Amino acid sequence: MDVDDDLVQEAFLRFLRSTSAASLGEPQMRGYLYRTLETLIVDRWRRLHREKELALDTTSEPAAPGTTETDPDVTLAFSQLDHKQRALLWLAYVEGFNHKEIAATAGVKEKSVKVLLFRARQKLAAILKRASPRLEVL
């Protein structure tokens, strides 16, 4: 079983243990499961980031002054977005949800989704650009 399966299984277990899950309609159930899974993913990213930092602190030599990172860590850049922006980008580009589905899952108005996605993409592009100024971000 890989990590993705473990996260999905944990989300379903939390859903089944929830006392309020039985009273939810199908769209609310999907939203509940999505938010639970999203929380588990964020927790995992944070844990991996901390572990990565600890590993770098103990095994790497200090960086030479004036050197910059040329290959930006997209996961780190993604983690710098706020929770809602990560969720919107994930739903749109990983899950392939349309604006109506994103609105229902994220709890925002359907007409707001396009603007919120635009802002999230702009912020992610700015983070990536700062990480590597030579990187061409669309």
Protein backbone atom coordinates (compact mmCIF):
# COMPACT_ATOMS: atom_id res chain seq x y z
CA MET A 1 0.00 0.00 0.00
CA ASP A 2 1.49 3.36 -0.88
CA VAL A 3 1.21 6.71 0.89
CA ASP A 4 -1.73 7.94 -1.21
CA ASP A 5 -3.76 4.86 -0.33
CA ASP A 6 -2.90 5.30 3.34
CA LEU A 7 -4.08 8.93 3.30
CA VAL A 8 -7.34 8.06 1.56
CA GLN A 9 -7.94 5.19 3.96
CA GLU A 10 -7.31 7.45 6.96
CA ALA A 11 -9.71 10.07 5.57
CA PHE A 12 -12.46 7.45 5.16
CA LEU A 13 -11.84 6.09 8.66
CA ARG A 14 -12.18 9.58 10.12
CA PHE A 15 -15.34 10.08 8.09
CA LEU A 16 -16.86 6.82 9.35
CA ARG A 17 -15.96 7.65 12.95
CA SER A 18 -17.58 11.08 12.69
CA THR A 19 -20.90 11.36 14.50
CA SER A 20 -22.21 14.02 12.10
CA ALA A 21 -21.41 12.14 8.86
CA ALA A 22 -24.71 10.25 8.77
CA SER A 23 -26.75 13.46 8.54
CA LEU A 24 -24.86 14.86 5.54
CA GLY A 25 -26.03 14.81 1.93
CA GLU A 26 -23.77 13.51 -0.83
CA PRO A 27 -22.18 16.89 -1.74
CA GLN A 28 -21.46 17.60 1.93
CA MET A 29 -20.00 14.10 2.37
CA ARG A 30 -17.66 14.69 -0.57
CA GLY A 31 -16.66 18.05 0.90
CA TYR A 32 -16.08 16.52 4.31
CA LEU A 33 -13.91 13.77 2.84
CA TYR A 34 -12.01 16.23 0.68
CA ARG A 35 -11.29 18.59 3.59
CA THR A 36 -10.20 15.69 5.78
CA LEU A 37 -7.91 14.37 3.05
CA GLU A 38 -6.56 17.85 2.42
CA THR A 39 -5.72 18.24 6.11
CA LEU A 40 -3.93 14.89 6.10
CA ILE A 41 -1.93 15.89 3.01
CA VAL A 42 -0.93 19.24 4.52
CA ASP A 43 0.13 17.52 7.73
CA ARG A 44 2.20 15.07 5.71
CA TRP A 45 3.86 17.88 3.71
CA ARG A 46 4.73 19.72 6.91
CA ARG A 47 6.16 16.57 8.48
CA LEU A 48 8.22 15.79 5.37
CA HIS A 49 9.44 19.38 5.21
CA ARG A 50 10.55 19.25 8.85
CA GLU A 51 12.27 15.91 8.26
CA LYS A 52 13.97 17.29 5.15
CA GLU A 53 15.22 20.33 7.06
CA LEU A 54 16.53 18.13 9.86
CA ALA A 55 18.29 15.86 7.37
CA LEU A 56 19.88 18.85 5.63
CA ASP A 57 21.00 20.33 8.95
CA THR A 58 22.76 17.14 9.95
CA THR A 59 24.23 15.99 6.62
CA SER A 60 24.94 19.01 4.48
CA GLU A 61 27.79 21.44 4.52
CA PRO A 62 27.07 25.15 4.85
CA ALA A 63 26.29 26.82 1.54
CA ALA A 64 28.94 29.00 0.03
CA PRO A 65 28.15 32.72 0.32
CA GLY A 66 26.54 34.17 -2.79
CA THR A 67 25.28 30.86 -4.17
CA THR A 68 21.63 30.47 -5.05
CA GLU A 69 19.39 27.53 -5.61
CA THR A 70 18.72 27.08 -9.34
CA ASP A 71 16.18 24.25 -9.08
CA PRO A 72 13.22 25.49 -6.98
CA ASP A 73 11.44 23.02 -4.79
CA VAL A 74 7.86 23.22 -6.05
CA THR A 75 6.54 21.40 -3.00
CA LEU A 76 8.10 24.03 -0.76
CA ALA A 77 6.69 26.81 -2.95
CA PHE A 78 3.25 25.18 -2.84
CA SER A 79 3.44 24.98 0.96
CA GLN A 80 3.96 28.76 1.10
CA LEU A 81 0.48 29.34 -0.28
CA ASP A 82 -2.33 29.73 2.19
CA HIS A 83 -4.61 26.79 2.89
CA LYS A 84 -7.46 27.91 0.61
CA GLN A 85 -5.14 28.66 -2.34
CA ARG A 86 -3.54 25.22 -2.09
CA ALA A 87 -6.99 23.65 -1.97
CA LEU A 88 -8.24 25.55 -5.02
CA LEU A 89 -5.16 24.74 -7.09
CA TRP A 90 -5.29 21.09 -6.04
CA LEU A 91 -8.95 20.72 -6.93
CA ALA A 92 -8.58 22.47 -10.28
CA TYR A 93 -5.32 21.03 -11.59
CA VAL A 94 -4.82 17.73 -9.81
CA GLU A 95 -8.38 16.55 -9.29
CA GLY A 96 -9.65 18.21 -12.48
CA PHE A 97 -12.76 19.66 -10.85
CA ASN A 98 -14.80 22.26 -12.73
CA HIS A 99 -15.66 25.61 -11.13
CA LYS A 100 -19.02 24.43 -9.83
CA GLU A 101 -17.47 21.39 -8.12
CA ILE A 102 -14.66 23.51 -6.69
CA ALA A 103 -17.15 26.01 -5.30
CA ALA A 104 -19.22 23.28 -3.63
CA THR A 105 -16.17 21.54 -2.16
CA ALA A 106 -14.26 24.63 -1.03
CA GLY A 107 -17.30 26.47 0.28
CA VAL A 108 -16.99 29.54 -1.96
CA LYS A 109 -19.30 31.07 -4.55
CA GLU A 110 -19.00 29.62 -8.03
CA LYS A 111 -18.40 33.06 -9.56
CA SER A 112 -15.46 33.61 -7.17
CA VAL A 113 -13.58 30.47 -8.19
CA LYS A 114 -12.08 31.93 -11.38
CA VAL A 115 -10.72 34.99 -9.57
CA LEU A 116 -9.44 32.95 -6.62
CA LEU A 117 -7.67 30.51 -8.95
CA PHE A 118 -6.10 33.39 -10.86
CA ARG A 119 -4.78 34.92 -7.62
CA ALA A 120 -3.48 31.57 -6.38
CA ARG A 121 -1.64 30.97 -9.68
CA GLN A 122 -0.15 34.47 -9.56
CA LYS A 123 1.07 33.98 -6.00
CA LEU A 124 2.58 30.57 -6.80
CA ALA A 125 4.31 32.05 -9.86
CA ALA A 126 5.74 34.88 -7.73
CA ILE A 127 7.04 32.40 -5.14
CA LEU A 128 8.67 30.29 -7.86
CA LYS A 129 10.13 33.39 -9.50
CA ARG A 130 11.70 34.49 -6.19
CA ALA A 131 13.11 31.00 -5.66
CA SER A 132 14.77 31.00 -9.06
CA PRO A 133 14.87 34.35 -10.90
CA ARG A 134 16.04 32.66 -14.12
CA LEU A 135 13.01 30.38 -14.12
CA GLU A 136 10.44 31.25 -16.77
CA VAL A 137 7.04 31.01 -15.11
CA LEU A 138 3.96 31.14 -17.33
